[in-house]
């Protein structure tokens, strides 16, 4: 039987197609193996990094030295992305010191050097993280952040930085800052289920700051953080400077005065606990 040239060509085409298919399959298998190996390495690295939880250090909120936010502060978004547990350091402590200005509006409201600052964090955050577990804790942080940012926007404030459960916020005027804090506390009381009954401590101070390019820092930043660290969960403390800047006609009840010591500052300092109306 004579060979059919057309049949030979067809056979060669089939062979070439099969060979190309095998090459493609081999490449796909190689890529899949590399991705699997990379994923295994990431799992090992994360497992190696998961050591026993350290107890939160009993130290004040202000750092011993001013540190740049670029080196000390991770945003809540990055914490959520990396699925990390709560920071063992005070959130307010990590936010105090240098504060990088991210928004042009904030640069404008601090152009004259005067700034109203609010620091806040969740009371007992490390223990709450341990109780809830990382996944539920991260979800709670998301809801907490949404609540804070919603009220800050409504009161014309600006979130300078946040790390985990801690926030550093700037406002153009003192009364607006206090009203924002009141609104946050009222929202937490009204919607305790969504926020898992968390209690947030807040401190407000007004003073001067120093800007270098897009950086904002100074003694009054640390003072605001120290005032916040004195507050209990569900409480708003303000400095005497803030109390005087608000005035008598703002409709805010500042309650009774307290003379306290703030680390690194001349003693005594005066703070006021803002009365939170039950809405």
Protein backbone atom coordinates (compact mmCIF):
# COMPACT_ATOMS: atom_id res chain seq x y z
CA UNK A 1 0.00 0.00 0.00
CA UNK A 2 1.43 3.36 -1.06
CA UNK A 3 1.99 6.12 1.47
CA UNK A 4 -0.49 8.95 1.33
CA UNK A 5 1.39 12.30 1.57
CA UNK A 6 -1.68 14.04 2.93
CA UNK A 7 -1.96 11.44 5.67
CA UNK A 8 1.70 11.98 6.62
CA UNK A 9 1.18 15.73 6.91
CA UNK A 10 -1.87 15.23 9.09
CA UNK A 11 0.05 12.88 11.38
CA UNK A 12 2.89 15.40 11.74
CA UNK A 13 0.39 18.13 12.60
CA UNK A 14 -1.13 15.94 15.30
CA UNK A 15 2.31 15.12 16.72
CA UNK A 16 3.30 18.80 16.80
CA UNK A 17 0.06 19.79 18.51
CA UNK A 18 0.52 17.10 21.14
CA UNK A 19 4.11 18.22 21.73
CA UNK A 20 2.99 21.85 22.13
CA UNK A 21 0.33 20.76 24.58
CA UNK A 22 2.86 18.86 26.65
CA UNK A 23 5.20 21.88 26.74
CA UNK A 24 2.35 24.15 27.85
CA UNK A 25 1.33 21.68 30.54
CA UNK A 26 4.90 21.49 31.78
CA UNK A 27 5.17 25.26 32.05
CA UNK A 28 1.89 25.47 33.97
CA UNK A 29 3.03 22.76 36.37
CA UNK A 30 6.33 24.56 36.95
CA UNK A 31 4.56 27.85 37.70
CA UNK A 32 2.13 26.11 40.04
CA UNK A 33 4.99 24.43 41.92
CA UNK A 34 6.80 27.73 42.37
CA UNK A 35 3.67 29.42 43.68
CA UNK A 36 3.05 26.56 46.07
CA UNK A 37 6.63 26.75 47.35
CA UNK A 38 6.30 30.51 47.85
CA UNK A 39 3.04 30.06 49.76
CA UNK A 40 4.66 27.44 51.98
CA UNK A 41 7.54 29.78 52.78
CA UNK A 42 5.10 32.54 53.75
CA UNK A 43 3.23 30.15 56.04
CA UNK A 44 6.49 29.09 57.68
CA UNK A 45 7.58 32.70 58.16
CA UNK A 46 4.24 33.61 59.74
CA UNK A 47 4.34 30.55 61.95
CA UNK A 48 7.86 31.40 63.10
CA UNK A 49 6.75 34.95 63.90
CA UNK A 50 3.84 33.85 66.07
CA UNK A 51 5.49 33.73 69.47
CA UNK A 52 3.78 33.83 72.84
CA UNK A 53 1.90 37.01 73.56
CA UNK A 54 3.77 39.52 75.65
CA UNK A 55 2.01 41.31 78.46
CA UNK A 56 1.34 44.96 77.88
CA UNK A 57 4.01 47.06 79.55
CA UNK A 58 2.71 49.25 82.39
CA UNK A 59 4.10 52.49 81.05
CA UNK A 60 2.70 55.90 80.29
CA UNK A 61 1.34 56.87 76.95
CA UNK A 62 4.05 59.38 75.96
CA UNK A 63 7.25 57.92 74.48
CA UNK A 64 10.58 58.62 76.07
CA UNK A 65 11.79 60.07 72.79
CA UNK A 66 10.02 61.46 69.77
CA UNK A 67 9.96 58.90 66.98
CA UNK A 68 8.97 59.35 63.39
CA UNK A 69 5.63 57.93 62.40
CA UNK A 70 7.29 56.29 59.41
CA UNK A 71 9.22 54.03 61.79
CA UNK A 72 6.72 53.53 64.63
CA UNK A 73 3.21 53.67 63.23
CA UNK A 74 1.41 51.17 61.04
CA UNK A 75 -2.04 52.09 59.88
CA UNK A 76 -5.06 50.01 60.83
CA UNK A 77 -5.43 49.14 57.15
CA UNK A 78 -2.03 47.46 57.06
CA UNK A 79 -2.81 45.63 60.29
CA UNK A 80 -6.03 44.34 58.75
CA UNK A 81 -4.24 43.27 55.56
CA UNK A 82 -1.53 41.40 57.45
CA UNK A 83 -3.97 39.85 59.95
CA UNK A 84 -1.81 40.80 62.91
CA UNK A 85 -2.91 40.76 66.54
CA UNK A 86 -3.18 43.84 68.71
CA UNK A 87 -0.13 45.90 69.43
CA UNK A 88 1.28 45.22 72.89
CA UNK A 89 2.29 48.86 73.21
CA UNK A 90 -0.18 51.61 73.94
CA UNK A 91 -1.71 52.81 70.67
CA UNK A 92 -1.65 56.39 71.92
CA UNK A 93 2.02 56.02 72.83
CA UNK A 94 2.91 54.86 69.33
CA UNK A 95 1.01 57.74 67.77
CA UNK A 96 2.56 60.42 69.98
CA UNK A 97 5.76 62.15 68.93
CA UNK A 98 6.21 62.80 65.25
CA UNK A 99 3.03 62.87 63.17
CA UNK A 100 3.27 62.94 59.42
CA UNK A 101 0.73 65.24 57.78
CA UNK A 102 -0.92 63.39 54.92
CA UNK A 103 -3.60 65.85 53.80
CA UNK A 104 -3.22 69.36 52.39
CA UNK A 105 -6.25 70.49 54.43
CA UNK A 106 -4.45 69.60 57.64
CA UNK A 107 -1.42 71.58 56.53
CA UNK A 108 -3.64 74.61 56.00
CA UNK A 109 -5.34 74.46 59.40
CA UNK A 110 -1.95 74.23 61.13
CA UNK A 111 -0.36 76.95 59.02
CA UNK A 112 -0.16 79.36 61.98
CA UNK A 113 1.34 76.69 64.23
CA UNK A 114 -1.80 76.31 66.37
CA UNK A 115 -3.44 72.90 66.39
CA UNK A 116 -6.23 71.10 68.27
CA UNK A 117 -5.37 67.45 68.81
CA UNK A 118 -7.40 64.44 69.91
CA UNK A 119 -5.89 61.11 70.90
CA UNK A 120 -8.03 58.04 71.49
CA UNK A 121 -7.75 54.31 71.95
CA UNK A 122 -9.77 51.34 73.15
CA UNK A 123 -9.50 50.55 76.85
CA UNK A 124 -8.06 47.08 77.48
CA UNK A 125 -7.43 46.46 73.78
CA UNK A 126 -4.81 43.74 74.26
CA UNK A 127 -7.05 41.73 76.56
CA UNK A 128 -10.00 42.20 74.20
CA UNK A 129 -7.87 40.95 71.30
CA UNK A 130 -6.90 37.86 73.29
CA UNK A 131 -10.55 37.18 74.16
CA UNK A 132 -11.95 37.66 70.66
CA UNK A 133 -9.13 36.16 68.62
CA UNK A 134 -7.37 37.89 65.75
CA UNK A 135 -10.10 37.52 63.10
CA UNK A 136 -12.94 38.93 65.22
CA UNK A 137 -10.63 41.60 66.64
CA UNK A 138 -9.71 42.83 63.15
CA UNK A 139 -13.39 43.00 62.21
CA UNK A 140 -14.08 45.00 65.38
CA UNK A 141 -11.24 47.39 64.51
CA UNK A 142 -12.82 47.96 61.10
CA UNK A 143 -16.17 48.89 62.65
CA UNK A 144 -14.45 51.11 65.21
CA UNK A 145 -12.48 52.88 62.50
CA UNK A 146 -15.60 53.48 60.41
CA UNK A 147 -17.35 55.03 63.41
CA UNK A 148 -14.40 57.30 64.23
CA UNK A 149 -13.87 58.47 60.65
CA UNK A 150 -17.58 59.12 60.14
CA UNK A 151 -17.74 61.45 63.15
CA UNK A 152 -14.41 63.12 62.35
CA UNK A 153 -15.62 63.96 58.86
CA UNK A 154 -18.94 65.28 60.21
CA UNK A 155 -17.06 67.64 62.55
CA UNK A 156 -14.51 68.87 60.00
CA UNK A 157 -11.59 67.05 61.53
CA UNK A 158 -8.75 65.12 59.96
CA UNK A 159 -7.31 61.75 60.93
CA UNK A 160 -3.56 62.33 61.02
CA UNK A 161 -2.63 58.77 61.88
CA UNK A 162 -4.11 55.63 63.30
CA UNK A 163 -2.52 52.42 64.49
CA UNK A 164 -4.72 49.51 65.40
CA UNK A 165 -7.26 50.89 67.86
CA UNK A 166 -5.50 54.24 68.39
CA UNK A 167 -6.19 57.51 66.58
CA UNK A 168 -4.51 60.89 66.35
CA UNK A 169 -6.91 63.52 64.99
CA UNK A 170 -6.57 67.24 64.28
CA UNK A 171 -9.32 69.87 64.23
CA UNK A 172 -9.48 73.49 63.09
CA UNK A 173 -11.22 74.69 66.27
CA UNK A 174 -11.54 73.46 69.87
CA UNK A 175 -15.32 73.20 70.25
CA UNK A 176 -15.59 71.03 67.14
CA UNK A 177 -13.00 68.64 68.54
CA UNK A 178 -14.90 68.22 71.82
CA UNK A 179 -18.24 67.81 70.04
CA UNK A 180 -16.72 65.11 67.85
CA UNK A 181 -15.53 63.23 70.94
CA UNK A 182 -18.99 63.51 72.49
CA UNK A 183 -20.57 62.19 69.29
CA UNK A 184 -18.18 59.22 69.24
CA UNK A 185 -18.98 58.31 72.84
CA UNK A 186 -22.71 58.65 72.24
CA UNK A 187 -22.50 56.45 69.14
CA UNK A 188 -20.63 53.79 71.11
CA UNK A 189 -23.33 53.81 73.79
CA UNK A 190 -26.16 53.67 71.26
CA UNK A 191 -24.71 50.85 69.16
CA UNK A 192 -22.92 48.73 71.72
CA UNK A 193 -23.74 45.53 69.83
CA UNK A 194 -21.95 46.58 66.64
CA UNK A 195 -18.89 47.70 68.60
CA UNK A 196 -18.95 44.78 71.04
CA UNK A 197 -19.33 47.09 74.02
CA UNK A 198 -15.87 48.62 73.69
CA UNK A 199 -14.98 51.64 75.81
CA UNK A 200 -12.85 54.35 74.24
CA UNK A 201 -10.74 56.82 76.18
CA UNK A 202 -10.14 60.24 74.61
CA UNK A 203 -8.00 63.28 75.36
CA UNK A 204 -8.07 66.76 73.80
CA UNK A 205 -5.49 69.55 73.93
CA UNK A 206 -4.78 72.74 72.01
CA UNK A 207 -1.37 74.26 71.56
CA UNK A 208 1.38 75.01 69.12
CA UNK A 209 3.28 72.67 66.86
CA UNK A 210 6.34 72.73 64.67
CA UNK A 211 6.21 71.70 61.03
CA UNK A 212 9.14 70.59 58.92
CA UNK A 213 7.89 70.02 55.43
CA UNK A 214 5.04 67.59 55.93
CA UNK A 215 5.92 66.67 59.52
CA UNK A 216 4.13 67.90 62.63
CA UNK A 217 5.58 67.45 66.11
CA UNK A 218 6.16 69.15 69.43
CA UNK A 219 5.56 69.18 73.16
CA UNK A 220 1.84 69.88 72.78
CA UNK A 221 1.44 66.71 70.71
CA UNK A 222 2.89 64.74 73.59
CA UNK A 223 0.72 66.68 76.05
CA UNK A 224 -2.45 65.68 74.19
CA UNK A 225 -1.36 62.05 74.29
CA UNK A 226 -0.66 62.20 78.03
CA UNK A 227 -4.07 63.73 78.71
CA UNK A 228 -5.70 60.88 76.78
CA UNK A 229 -3.72 58.33 78.74
CA UNK A 230 -5.25 59.64 81.97
CA UNK A 231 -8.80 59.06 80.72
CA UNK A 232 -10.86 56.01 81.60
CA UNK A 233 -12.83 54.08 79.02
CA UNK A 234 -15.88 56.06 77.96
CA UNK A 235 -14.36 59.31 79.22
CA UNK A 236 -13.22 62.54 77.52
CA UNK A 237 -10.51 64.53 79.28
CA UNK A 238 -9.46 67.99 78.10
CA UNK A 239 -6.56 70.19 79.13
CA UNK A 240 -6.97 73.55 80.80
CA UNK A 241 -5.73 75.22 77.62
CA UNK A 242 -8.47 73.50 75.63
CA UNK A 243 -11.09 74.41 78.24
CA UNK A 244 -10.13 78.08 78.03
CA UNK A 245 -10.08 78.05 74.23
CA UNK A 246 -13.65 76.74 73.99
CA UNK A 247 -15.17 79.47 76.14
CA UNK A 248 -18.41 79.62 78.09
CA UNK A 249 -20.89 79.92 75.24
CA UNK A 250 -20.24 76.64 73.44
CA UNK A 251 -22.87 74.68 75.36
CA UNK A 252 -20.32 72.12 76.59
CA UNK A 253 -20.27 71.00 80.24
CA UNK A 254 -16.67 70.42 81.30
CA UNK A 255 -17.49 69.08 84.74
CA UNK A 256 -15.14 69.49 87.69
CA UNK A 257 -11.44 70.20 87.42
CA UNK A 258 -8.69 67.81 88.43
CA UNK A 259 -5.10 68.64 89.22
CA UNK A 260 -2.84 65.92 87.87
CA UNK A 261 0.78 65.23 87.07
CA UNK A 262 1.74 64.67 83.46
CA UNK A 263 5.09 63.02 82.98
CA UNK A 264 7.72 65.46 81.79
CA UNK A 265 5.57 68.54 82.35
CA UNK A 266 5.54 71.02 85.24
CA UNK A 267 3.15 69.80 87.94
CA UNK A 268 0.37 70.15 88.58
CA UNK A 269 -1.60 70.28 85.34
CA UNK A 270 -5.35 70.78 85.23
CA UNK A 271 -7.74 68.60 83.26
CA UNK A 272 -11.53 68.45 82.98
CA UNK A 273 -13.82 65.47 82.38
CA UNK A 274 -16.43 66.42 79.78
CA UNK A 275 -20.02 65.55 80.64
CA UNK A 276 -21.49 63.35 77.90
CA UNK A 277 -25.23 64.01 77.37
CA UNK A 278 -27.39 60.92 77.02
CA UNK A 279 -28.92 61.42 73.60
